[in-house]
Amino acid sequence: MASSTTTPSQPDRPVRPNLAFRQLRGRHSPAEFAALVRRAAREIGERVSCDARYIGRVEAGEIRCPNYAYERVFLHMFPGRTLADLGFAPRSSVRGRGARPSEDTPLALVRGETQGAVEPYDPPDGFHPPDTYHPQDTYETHDNYEESDVLRRLFMTGGGATVAAATLGPLGSTIDAVAADRPVRRAGSSHAAALEEAVRRIRLLDDRHGADGLYRRAAAPLRAAYALLDAGATRQTTAERLHSGAGELAISVGWLAHDSGRFDDARSHYAEALATARMTGDPGLEAHAFCNTAFLARDAGRPREAVRAAQAAQRVGRPLGSARLMSLLALREAGGWAGLADRTGCEQALVRAQALFERGHSDADPEWMSFYGEAELEGLEAQCWSTLGDWRRASRHARRAAELQDPHFTRNIALYTAELADDLARGGRPDEAAMAGLRVLDLLGQVQSSRIQGMLAGTARVLLPHRRASGVQEFLDRHASTPRVV
């Protein structure tokens, strides 16, 4: 949770290039050096999503101090050196951030894709994540705090997806107060309602346009939500709505980070939502946080963690009485088993998910599950079979998912069709794969998703040896000329 102590504002500083870090990179390209960073992380059991863009931001001085995961990796790479030797600023000088907290620090958010840094699947007693995070920090985030002119808006135009600025009512005034470092007034029911509406708008816009154009814009209402929690509420019922809304907003912003490939940030937001749920005794929010944590763990290559998180979600979610929720959580577990190459465990979870899904909707179904219908069920099963290397089954389910998807879920139609293209390509059907890939490219004017672009890039690599097959060369040419999400 955000600290109740207001972080003092700092005067603007000119960005100074990190020449020491650039010198350490030597003759390696940024991409080559990023690969060395990732390899060093694996050597010490860390997971960091380092790429050439991250290295560029460090060298440009945009990242003045790395998070704890990156710190451990850099010090492992350059023994005997300190962060100062690497050209970084002291941690305490970055937006007033202090040193590593003691074990008495209140529940806080864990930043960094650090395997083993926290075990959120154990009982909440004694749950003490080691790193604290303040949502207003500029410390190692993807937010550009010089964009103060957009803090009144939830979203702006992004690439090919034009998103109208949202009117946030009382939440908008809180965003302005946070941006100007002014005190935030105690929250009333109108603030809680505006926060809940912000969550709905993020989900709607993600369904239509994908995550990449939205993630940075969603940071402003999330900071405002934490500021409202710190300011307090006029009534207990309002406080409960604020905690629930802030938790759901953290998950939504975490999903935008997740879907756009920012796994470190996603893990942080999901952990914050989980801490909020446990402190307030909100089983619905806790199940949701565990559900997304399982999905992230699967995508980040930690299948065993995915299984454990999904099973924890099922333990918490079972008393809520929603068969559809339990069906989705069983699918999350199936994805973990597939990643472990446990076909039996995966099939058992898939059967359970199907049986629970067939029980239908109920009043107990959470609002956030509006995306979960037959198309999503088919799409997630396709991903399991793809992970297990059963391309025939995977392509059958992916095709059915794309056919069943509601037309307004543009992002999911593109996702399922990209899954289909990849499964067909790997299954030895290049001509059909190229046709599916072309359909995805047609949708990229409306959708911004690093996940989908990454899938298409993989499909293109598989299809390279099959240029003479019908439609393949056209797909490869169009894919090569498609602008990448930055």
Protein backbone atom coordinates (compact mmCIF):
# COMPACT_ATOMS: atom_id res chain seq x y z
CA MET A 1 0.00 0.00 0.00
CA ALA A 2 1.06 3.60 -0.43
CA SER A 3 2.77 5.17 2.53
CA SER A 4 0.71 7.53 4.64
CA THR A 5 3.63 9.92 4.65
CA THR A 6 3.63 12.38 1.80
CA THR A 7 6.71 12.12 -0.37
CA PRO A 8 8.25 15.55 -0.73
CA SER A 9 8.36 16.94 -4.18
CA GLN A 10 11.70 17.47 -5.81
CA PRO A 11 12.85 20.14 -8.19
CA ASP A 12 13.18 19.11 -11.80
CA ARG A 13 16.59 17.72 -12.65
CA PRO A 14 18.17 17.64 -16.09
CA VAL A 15 18.59 14.08 -17.29
CA ARG A 16 22.28 13.19 -17.31
CA PRO A 17 23.57 10.31 -19.43
CA ASN A 18 25.07 7.40 -17.49
CA LEU A 19 28.51 7.40 -19.09
CA ALA A 20 29.95 4.88 -16.63
CA PHE A 21 27.36 2.30 -17.58
CA ARG A 22 27.89 2.98 -21.27
CA GLN A 23 31.61 2.39 -20.82
CA LEU A 24 30.94 -0.95 -19.12
CA ARG A 25 28.84 -2.06 -22.10
CA GLY A 26 31.95 -1.75 -24.24
CA ARG A 27 31.63 -3.03 -27.80
CA HIS A 28 28.47 -4.99 -27.20
CA SER A 29 25.31 -3.69 -28.84
CA PRO A 30 22.46 -2.80 -26.44
CA ALA A 31 20.65 -6.01 -27.44
CA GLU A 32 23.78 -8.12 -26.87
CA PHE A 33 24.38 -6.50 -23.50
CA ALA A 34 20.74 -7.06 -22.51
CA ALA A 35 21.21 -10.75 -23.29
CA LEU A 36 24.26 -10.79 -21.00
CA VAL A 37 22.16 -9.19 -18.26
CA ARG A 38 19.46 -11.83 -18.60
CA ARG A 39 22.05 -14.60 -18.53
CA ALA A 40 23.67 -13.15 -15.41
CA ALA A 41 20.23 -12.99 -13.80
CA ARG A 42 19.66 -16.67 -14.44
CA GLU A 43 23.02 -17.48 -12.87
CA ILE A 44 21.87 -16.07 -9.52
CA GLY A 45 18.23 -17.14 -9.74
CA GLU A 46 16.80 -13.75 -10.70
CA ARG A 47 14.39 -12.98 -13.53
CA VAL A 48 14.57 -9.61 -15.25
CA SER A 49 12.90 -8.58 -18.50
CA CYS A 50 15.92 -6.74 -19.84
CA ASP A 51 16.00 -5.64 -23.47
CA ALA A 52 17.84 -3.10 -25.62
CA ARG A 53 15.31 -0.41 -24.73
CA TYR A 54 15.99 -0.83 -21.02
CA ILE A 55 19.76 -0.54 -21.61
CA GLY A 56 19.14 2.60 -23.65
CA ARG A 57 17.08 4.14 -20.86
CA VAL A 58 19.80 3.40 -18.32
CA GLU A 59 22.50 4.94 -20.51
CA ALA A 60 20.32 7.97 -21.24
CA GLY A 61 19.95 8.57 -17.50
CA GLU A 62 16.20 7.94 -17.45
CA ILE A 63 16.63 5.15 -14.88
CA ARG A 64 18.59 6.84 -12.12
CA CYS A 65 18.55 3.83 -9.79
CA PRO A 66 17.62 0.22 -10.70
CA ASN A 67 15.18 -1.87 -8.72
CA TYR A 68 16.54 -4.44 -6.29
CA ALA A 69 16.44 -7.30 -8.79
CA TYR A 70 18.49 -5.40 -11.34
CA GLU A 71 20.82 -4.18 -8.59
CA ARG A 72 21.65 -7.76 -7.62
CA VAL A 73 22.24 -8.69 -11.25
CA PHE A 74 24.49 -5.71 -12.01
CA LEU A 75 26.58 -6.26 -8.87
CA HIS A 76 26.92 -9.92 -9.83
CA MET A 77 28.11 -8.92 -13.31
CA PHE A 78 30.65 -6.40 -11.98
CA PRO A 79 32.04 -7.78 -8.69
CA GLY A 80 33.61 -5.25 -6.37
CA ARG A 81 31.71 -2.30 -7.83
CA THR A 82 28.94 -0.32 -6.16
CA LEU A 83 25.86 1.21 -7.76
CA ALA A 84 27.70 4.53 -7.70
CA ASP A 85 30.55 2.94 -9.65
CA LEU A 86 27.99 1.89 -12.25
CA GLY A 87 26.80 5.47 -12.60
CA PHE A 88 23.58 5.21 -10.59
CA ALA A 89 22.27 7.71 -8.05
CA PRO A 90 21.84 6.76 -4.37
CA ARG A 91 18.54 5.03 -3.79
CA SER A 92 17.50 7.53 -1.13
CA SER A 93 17.81 10.42 -3.61
CA VAL A 94 15.29 9.02 -6.08
CA ARG A 95 11.96 10.69 -5.29
CA GLY A 96 12.80 10.51 -1.59
CA ARG A 97 12.93 6.72 -1.63
CA GLY A 98 14.63 5.27 1.42
CA ALA A 99 16.82 2.25 1.89
CA ARG A 100 15.58 -1.33 2.08
CA PRO A 101 12.96 -1.56 4.84
CA SER A 102 13.20 -3.69 7.92
CA GLU A 103 11.07 -6.75 8.54
CA ASP A 104 8.63 -4.54 10.45
CA THR A 105 7.70 -2.64 7.30
CA PRO A 106 3.92 -2.81 6.64
CA LEU A 107 2.63 -4.91 3.78
CA ALA A 108 3.89 -3.40 0.57
CA LEU A 109 4.32 -4.11 -3.05
CA VAL A 110 7.16 -6.21 -4.39
CA ARG A 111 8.86 -4.83 -7.46
CA GLY A 112 10.90 -7.00 -9.77
CA GLU A 113 10.47 -10.35 -11.47
CA THR A 114 12.47 -12.02 -8.71
CA GLN A 115 11.96 -15.73 -8.35
CA GLY A 116 11.70 -16.65 -4.71
CA ALA A 117 11.60 -13.06 -3.53
CA VAL A 118 8.14 -13.59 -2.11
CA GLU A 119 5.87 -16.58 -1.60
CA PRO A 120 2.37 -15.11 -1.76
CA TYR A 121 0.73 -18.55 -1.77
CA ASP A 122 1.42 -19.21 1.91
CA PRO A 123 -1.07 -18.15 4.60
CA PRO A 124 -1.15 -14.37 5.11
CA ASP A 125 0.30 -14.54 8.63
CA GLY A 126 3.87 -13.35 8.46
CA PHE A 127 3.60 -12.23 4.84
CA HIS A 128 6.45 -9.73 4.53
CA PRO A 129 7.55 -8.86 0.98
CA PRO A 130 11.12 -7.62 1.16
CA ASP A 131 10.96 -4.58 -1.13
CA THR A 132 8.64 -1.63 -0.75
CA TYR A 133 7.13 0.33 -3.58
CA HIS A 134 5.46 3.69 -3.55
CA PRO A 135 3.10 4.21 -6.49
CA GLN A 136 4.19 7.83 -6.84
CA ASP A 137 7.86 6.94 -7.28
CA THR A 138 9.64 7.49 -10.57
CA TYR A 139 12.05 4.83 -9.44
CA GLU A 140 12.61 2.32 -12.26
CA THR A 141 9.17 2.54 -13.85
CA HIS A 142 7.91 2.94 -17.38
CA ASP A 143 6.06 6.16 -16.55
CA ASN A 144 7.25 9.49 -17.89
CA TYR A 145 6.51 12.06 -15.22
CA GLU A 146 7.21 14.92 -17.59
CA GLU A 147 3.85 14.14 -19.21
CA SER A 148 2.00 16.31 -16.67
CA ASP A 149 -0.24 17.66 -19.40
CA VAL A 150 -1.96 14.29 -19.71
CA LEU A 151 -2.57 13.61 -16.03
CA ARG A 152 -6.12 14.89 -16.36
CA ARG A 153 -6.87 12.09 -18.79
CA LEU A 154 -7.11 8.39 -18.25
CA PHE A 155 -6.11 7.63 -21.83
CA MET A 156 -4.96 9.41 -24.97
CA THR A 157 -4.45 8.62 -28.60
CA GLY A 158 -1.99 5.77 -28.92
CA GLY A 159 -0.57 4.63 -32.26
CA GLY A 160 -3.28 3.24 -34.50
CA ALA A 161 -5.89 3.03 -31.76
CA THR A 162 -7.55 6.40 -31.11
CA VAL A 163 -8.90 6.48 -27.58
CA ALA A 164 -11.04 9.34 -26.41
CA ALA A 165 -9.96 11.04 -23.19
CA ALA A 166 -12.11 9.83 -20.31
CA THR A 167 -13.98 12.13 -17.97
CA LEU A 168 -13.09 11.01 -14.46
CA GLY A 169 -15.13 13.36 -12.32
CA PRO A 170 -13.92 13.44 -8.68
CA LEU A 171 -11.04 11.11 -9.50
CA GLY A 172 -9.77 13.64 -12.03
CA SER A 173 -9.40 16.29 -9.32
CA THR A 174 -7.46 13.80 -7.20
CA ILE A 175 -5.15 13.11 -10.15
CA ASP A 176 -4.52 16.86 -10.43
CA ALA A 177 -3.79 17.11 -6.71
CA VAL A 178 -1.32 14.22 -6.84
CA ALA A 179 0.41 15.70 -9.89
CA ALA A 180 0.75 19.07 -8.16
CA ASP A 181 1.81 17.49 -4.85
CA ARG A 182 -1.18 19.06 -3.07
CA PRO A 183 -3.05 17.45 -0.16
CA VAL A 184 -5.82 15.09 -1.20
CA ARG A 185 -9.25 15.56 0.35
CA ARG A 186 -10.94 12.70 2.18
CA ALA A 187 -12.87 10.51 -0.18
CA GLY A 188 -16.60 10.22 -0.44
CA SER A 189 -18.89 7.84 -2.31
CA SER A 190 -18.48 9.83 -5.52
CA HIS A 191 -14.73 9.11 -5.47
CA ALA A 192 -15.37 5.41 -4.97
CA ALA A 193 -17.83 5.39 -7.86
CA ALA A 194 -15.34 7.21 -10.12
CA LEU A 195 -12.64 4.71 -9.20
CA GLU A 196 -14.92 1.79 -10.05
CA GLU A 197 -15.79 3.42 -13.35
CA ALA A 198 -12.10 3.89 -14.18
CA VAL A 199 -11.61 0.14 -13.75
CA ARG A 200 -14.48 -0.59 -16.14
CA ARG A 201 -13.14 1.81 -18.76
CA ILE A 202 -9.67 0.30 -18.66
CA ARG A 203 -11.13 -3.16 -19.22
CA LEU A 204 -13.34 -1.99 -22.05
CA LEU A 205 -10.54 -0.16 -23.85
CA ASP A 206 -8.18 -3.10 -23.40
CA ASP A 207 -10.79 -5.42 -24.93
CA ARG A 208 -10.99 -3.18 -27.97
CA HIS A 209 -7.45 -1.89 -28.44
CA GLY A 210 -4.98 -3.99 -26.45
CA ALA A 211 -2.61 -2.96 -23.69
CA ASP A 212 0.32 -1.13 -25.26
CA GLY A 213 -1.40 2.18 -25.88
CA LEU A 214 -3.03 2.23 -22.45
CA TYR A 215 -0.46 1.19 -19.86
CA ARG A 216 1.27 4.50 -19.25
CA ARG A 217 -2.03 6.40 -19.14
CA ALA A 218 -3.45 4.05 -16.50
CA ALA A 219 -0.70 4.96 -14.02
CA ALA A 220 -2.32 8.32 -13.19
CA PRO A 221 -5.64 6.98 -11.85
CA LEU A 222 -3.76 4.26 -9.96
CA ARG A 223 -1.64 6.87 -8.18
CA ALA A 224 -4.82 8.79 -7.42
CA ALA A 225 -6.42 5.66 -5.95
CA TYR A 226 -3.52 5.18 -3.53
CA ALA A 227 -3.66 8.85 -2.58
CA LEU A 228 -7.36 8.47 -1.74
CA LEU A 229 -6.60 5.47 0.45
CA ASP A 230 -4.00 7.47 2.34
CA ALA A 231 -6.36 10.42 2.76
CA GLY A 232 -9.04 8.22 4.30
CA ALA A 233 -12.78 8.06 3.71
CA THR A 234 -15.79 9.70 5.31
CA ARG A 235 -17.52 6.35 5.93
CA GLN A 236 -16.44 2.76 6.48
CA THR A 237 -18.51 1.53 3.54
CA THR A 238 -16.74 4.05 1.31
CA ALA A 239 -13.35 2.92 2.63
CA GLU A 240 -14.21 -0.67 1.76
CA ARG A 241 -15.22 0.33 -1.77
CA LEU A 242 -12.00 2.33 -2.15
CA HIS A 243 -9.84 -0.62 -1.09
CA SER A 244 -11.68 -2.97 -3.40
CA GLY A 245 -11.56 -0.48 -6.27
CA ALA A 246 -7.87 0.24 -5.76
CA GLY A 247 -7.11 -3.48 -5.71
CA GLU A 248 -9.07 -4.10 -8.90
CA LEU A 249 -7.41 -1.09 -10.53
CA ALA A 250 -3.98 -2.44 -9.56
CA ILE A 251 -4.88 -5.74 -11.22
CA SER A 252 -6.14 -3.97 -14.35
CA VAL A 253 -3.00 -1.88 -14.63
CA GLY A 254 -0.98 -5.00 -13.90
CA TRP A 255 -2.70 -6.75 -16.77
CA LEU A 256 -1.85 -3.88 -19.12
CA ALA A 257 1.79 -4.27 -18.06
CA HIS A 258 1.56 -8.05 -18.42
CA ASP A 259 0.03 -8.00 -21.88
CA SER A 260 2.56 -5.41 -23.11
CA GLY A 261 5.51 -7.49 -21.91
CA ARG A 262 6.39 -5.51 -18.76
CA PHE A 263 6.47 -8.56 -16.51
CA ASP A 264 8.35 -6.83 -13.65
CA ASP A 265 5.69 -4.14 -13.38
CA ALA A 266 2.86 -6.64 -13.70
CA ARG A 267 4.19 -8.75 -10.84
CA SER A 268 4.43 -5.63 -8.68
CA HIS A 269 0.84 -4.56 -9.34
CA TYR A 270 -0.55 -8.05 -8.77
CA ALA A 271 1.36 -8.34 -5.48
CA GLU A 272 -0.05 -5.00 -4.34
CA ALA A 273 -3.57 -6.17 -5.11
CA LEU A 274 -2.93 -9.38 -3.19
CA ALA A 275 -1.65 -7.45 -0.16
CA THR A 276 -4.70 -5.17 -0.30
CA ALA A 277 -7.04 -8.18 -0.44
CA ARG A 278 -5.43 -9.87 2.54
CA MET A 279 -5.35 -6.75 4.69
CA THR A 280 -9.03 -6.03 4.04
CA GLY A 281 -10.25 -9.64 4.07
CA ASP A 282 -11.60 -9.52 0.51
CA PRO A 283 -11.66 -13.10 -0.88
CA GLY A 284 -12.97 -12.02 -4.27
CA LEU A 285 -10.07 -9.62 -4.81
CA GLU A 286 -7.61 -12.20 -3.49
CA ALA A 287 -8.86 -14.86 -5.92
CA HIS A 288 -8.59 -12.36 -8.78
CA ALA A 289 -5.03 -11.40 -7.81
CA PHE A 290 -3.98 -15.05 -7.58
CA CYS A 291 -5.66 -15.77 -10.94
CA ASN A 292 -3.63 -13.11 -12.71
CA THR A 293 -0.47 -14.06 -10.85
CA ALA A 294 -0.86 -17.62 -12.15
CA PHE A 295 -1.28 -16.36 -15.70
CA LEU A 296 1.78 -14.12 -15.39
CA ALA A 297 3.89 -16.94 -13.93
CA ARG A 298 2.98 -19.15 -16.87
CA ASP A 299 3.95 -16.48 -19.38
CA ALA A 300 7.16 -15.68 -17.50
CA GLY A 301 8.33 -19.29 -17.66
CA ARG A 302 7.55 -20.25 -14.06
CA PRO A 303 4.98 -23.04 -14.55
CA ARG A 304 5.27 -24.50 -11.06
CA GLU A 305 4.47 -21.10 -9.56
CA ALA A 306 1.54 -20.89 -11.98
CA VAL A 307 0.13 -24.16 -10.62
CA ARG A 308 0.56 -23.06 -7.01
CA ALA A 309 -1.00 -19.65 -7.58
CA ALA A 310 -3.96 -21.19 -9.44
CA GLN A 311 -4.51 -23.71 -6.68
CA ALA A 312 -4.34 -20.94 -4.06
CA ALA A 313 -6.93 -19.00 -6.06
CA GLN A 314 -9.22 -22.02 -6.07
CA ARG A 315 -8.93 -22.44 -2.30
CA VAL A 316 -9.87 -18.79 -1.77
CA GLY A 317 -12.48 -18.66 -4.53
CA ARG A 318 -14.41 -21.86 -3.83
CA PRO A 319 -16.62 -20.36 -1.05
CA LEU A 320 -17.66 -17.51 -3.37
CA GLY A 321 -20.03 -19.85 -5.21
CA SER A 322 -19.14 -18.99 -8.82
CA ALA A 323 -18.70 -22.04 -11.05
CA ARG A 324 -17.42 -19.82 -13.88
CA LEU A 325 -14.72 -18.39 -11.62
CA MET A 326 -13.63 -21.90 -10.60
CA SER A 327 -13.62 -22.92 -14.27
CA LEU A 328 -11.24 -20.10 -15.18
CA LEU A 329 -8.99 -20.91 -12.23
CA ALA A 330 -8.86 -24.56 -13.32
CA LEU A 331 -7.70 -23.35 -16.74
CA ARG A 332 -4.96 -21.30 -15.09
CA GLU A 333 -3.84 -24.47 -13.32
CA ALA A 334 -3.98 -26.42 -16.59
CA GLY A 335 -1.65 -23.86 -18.17
CA GLY A 336 0.87 -24.44 -15.41
CA TRP A 337 0.72 -28.20 -15.78
CA ALA A 338 1.24 -27.84 -19.52
CA GLY A 339 4.32 -25.74 -18.88
CA LEU A 340 5.64 -28.55 -16.68
CA ALA A 341 4.98 -31.02 -19.55
CA ASP A 342 2.55 -32.88 -17.26
CA ARG A 343 -0.06 -33.98 -19.78
CA THR A 344 -2.11 -35.92 -17.24
CA GLY A 345 -2.31 -33.02 -14.81
CA CYS A 346 -3.21 -30.66 -17.65
CA GLU A 347 -5.97 -32.91 -18.99
CA GLN A 348 -7.50 -33.38 -15.54
CA ALA A 349 -7.62 -29.62 -14.99
CA LEU A 350 -9.11 -29.08 -18.47
CA VAL A 351 -11.87 -31.62 -17.79
CA ARG A 352 -12.63 -29.89 -14.49
CA ALA A 353 -12.70 -26.48 -16.20
CA GLN A 354 -15.14 -27.71 -18.86
CA ALA A 355 -17.47 -29.31 -16.31
CA LEU A 356 -17.54 -26.18 -14.17
CA PHE A 357 -18.11 -23.97 -17.22
CA GLU A 358 -21.14 -26.01 -18.25
CA ARG A 359 -22.86 -25.14 -14.98
CA GLY A 360 -23.45 -21.73 -16.49
CA HIS A 361 -23.58 -18.20 -15.14
CA SER A 362 -24.71 -17.24 -11.65
CA ASP A 363 -25.22 -14.07 -9.63
CA ALA A 364 -21.97 -14.89 -7.83
CA ASP A 365 -19.86 -14.41 -10.98
CA PRO A 366 -17.44 -11.47 -10.47
CA GLU A 367 -17.93 -8.40 -12.66
CA TRP A 368 -14.36 -8.61 -13.98
CA MET A 369 -15.09 -11.99 -15.59
CA SER A 370 -17.16 -10.50 -18.40
CA PHE A 371 -14.45 -11.61 -20.86
CA TYR A 372 -14.78 -15.26 -19.88
CA GLY A 373 -17.08 -17.08 -22.25
CA GLU A 374 -16.83 -20.09 -24.51
CA ALA A 375 -14.33 -18.33 -26.77
CA GLU A 376 -11.92 -17.72 -23.89
CA LEU A 377 -12.36 -21.30 -22.70
CA GLU A 378 -11.41 -22.56 -26.15
CA GLY A 379 -8.53 -20.10 -26.45
CA LEU A 380 -6.96 -21.06 -23.14
CA GLU A 381 -7.30 -24.75 -23.94
CA ALA A 382 -5.61 -24.09 -27.29
CA GLN A 383 -2.69 -22.54 -25.44
CA CYS A 384 -2.36 -25.64 -23.25
CA TRP A 385 -2.23 -28.00 -26.22
CA SER A 386 0.21 -25.69 -27.98
CA THR A 387 2.52 -25.76 -24.96
CA LEU A 388 2.32 -29.56 -24.99
CA GLY A 389 3.19 -29.62 -28.70
CA ASP A 390 -0.14 -31.06 -29.87
CA TRP A 391 -0.53 -28.68 -32.81
CA ARG A 392 -3.60 -30.38 -34.29
CA ARG A 393 -5.65 -30.02 -31.11
CA ALA A 394 -4.28 -26.56 -30.47
CA SER A 395 -5.26 -25.29 -33.91
CA ARG A 396 -8.74 -26.79 -33.63
CA HIS A 397 -9.45 -25.00 -30.35
CA ALA A 398 -7.83 -21.75 -31.49
CA ARG A 399 -9.96 -21.70 -34.65
CA ARG A 400 -13.10 -22.27 -32.62
CA ALA A 401 -12.09 -19.52 -30.18
CA ALA A 402 -11.70 -16.97 -32.98
CA GLU A 403 -15.05 -17.97 -34.48
CA LEU A 404 -16.91 -17.72 -31.17
CA GLN A 405 -15.47 -14.43 -29.94
CA ASP A 406 -17.83 -11.49 -29.56
CA PRO A 407 -16.93 -8.92 -32.28
CA HIS A 408 -16.31 -6.08 -29.82
CA PHE A 409 -13.45 -8.02 -28.19
CA THR A 410 -11.13 -7.04 -31.05
CA ARG A 411 -7.99 -7.73 -29.07
CA ASN A 412 -9.05 -11.31 -28.29
CA ILE A 413 -10.03 -12.02 -31.90
CA ALA A 414 -6.52 -10.97 -32.92
CA LEU A 415 -5.01 -13.04 -30.11
CA TYR A 416 -6.86 -16.25 -30.94
CA THR A 417 -6.18 -15.86 -34.65
CA ALA A 418 -2.48 -15.30 -33.93
CA GLU A 419 -2.52 -18.47 -31.82
CA LEU A 420 -4.16 -20.29 -34.70
CA ALA A 421 -1.55 -19.03 -37.19
CA ASP A 422 1.30 -20.20 -34.99
CA ASP A 423 -0.25 -23.62 -34.33
CA LEU A 424 -0.89 -24.16 -38.04
CA ALA A 425 2.66 -23.10 -38.93
CA ARG A 426 4.22 -25.45 -36.40
CA GLY A 427 1.83 -28.19 -37.42
CA GLY A 428 3.07 -28.18 -41.00
CA ARG A 429 0.25 -26.21 -42.65
CA PRO A 430 2.04 -23.06 -43.85
CA ASP A 431 -0.58 -21.89 -46.35
CA GLU A 432 -3.36 -21.86 -43.73
CA ALA A 433 -1.00 -20.27 -41.23
CA ALA A 434 -0.24 -17.44 -43.66
CA MET A 435 -3.95 -16.77 -44.20
CA ALA A 436 -4.56 -16.58 -40.47
CA GLY A 437 -1.51 -14.35 -40.02
CA LEU A 438 -2.79 -11.95 -42.66
CA ARG A 439 -6.10 -11.67 -40.80
CA VAL A 440 -4.20 -10.70 -37.66
CA LEU A 441 -2.21 -8.06 -39.54
CA ASP A 442 -5.51 -6.58 -40.73
CA LEU A 443 -6.50 -6.09 -37.06
CA LEU A 444 -3.27 -4.46 -35.90
CA GLY A 445 -4.55 -1.05 -36.90
CA GLN A 446 -7.06 -1.35 -34.07
CA VAL A 447 -5.04 -3.37 -31.55
CA GLN A 448 -1.74 -2.59 -29.84
CA SER A 449 -0.40 -5.68 -28.09
CA SER A 450 3.21 -6.74 -27.69
CA ARG A 451 1.97 -10.25 -26.95
CA ILE A 452 0.27 -10.54 -30.33
CA GLN A 453 3.19 -8.98 -32.19
CA GLY A 454 5.53 -11.42 -30.46
CA MET A 455 3.38 -14.35 -31.52
CA LEU A 456 3.37 -13.15 -35.13
CA ALA A 457 7.13 -12.76 -35.08
CA GLY A 458 7.46 -16.39 -33.97
CA THR A 459 5.09 -17.52 -36.71
CA ALA A 460 7.09 -15.58 -39.30
CA ARG A 461 10.29 -17.34 -38.23
CA VAL A 462 8.63 -20.74 -38.57
CA LEU A 463 7.28 -19.85 -42.02
CA LEU A 464 10.57 -18.55 -43.44
CA PRO A 465 11.58 -21.92 -44.97
CA HIS A 466 8.12 -22.16 -46.63
CA ARG A 467 8.19 -19.00 -48.74
CA ARG A 468 6.90 -20.84 -51.81
CA ALA A 469 3.71 -22.01 -50.09
CA SER A 470 0.56 -20.11 -51.02
CA GLY A 471 0.28 -16.78 -49.20
CA VAL A 472 3.43 -17.18 -47.14
CA GLN A 473 5.54 -14.60 -48.98
CA GLU A 474 2.71 -12.07 -48.79
CA PHE A 475 2.42 -12.61 -45.04
CA LEU A 476 6.19 -12.31 -44.54
CA ASP A 477 6.37 -9.11 -46.58
CA ARG A 478 3.46 -7.49 -44.77
CA HIS A 479 4.75 -8.59 -41.39
CA ALA A 480 8.18 -7.15 -42.12
CA SER A 481 6.67 -3.78 -43.06
CA THR A 482 4.37 -3.56 -40.02
CA PRO A 483 5.51 -0.96 -37.44
CA ARG A 484 6.43 -2.50 -34.09
CA VAL A 485 5.01 -1.30 -30.80
CA VAL A 486 7.55 0.91 -29.04
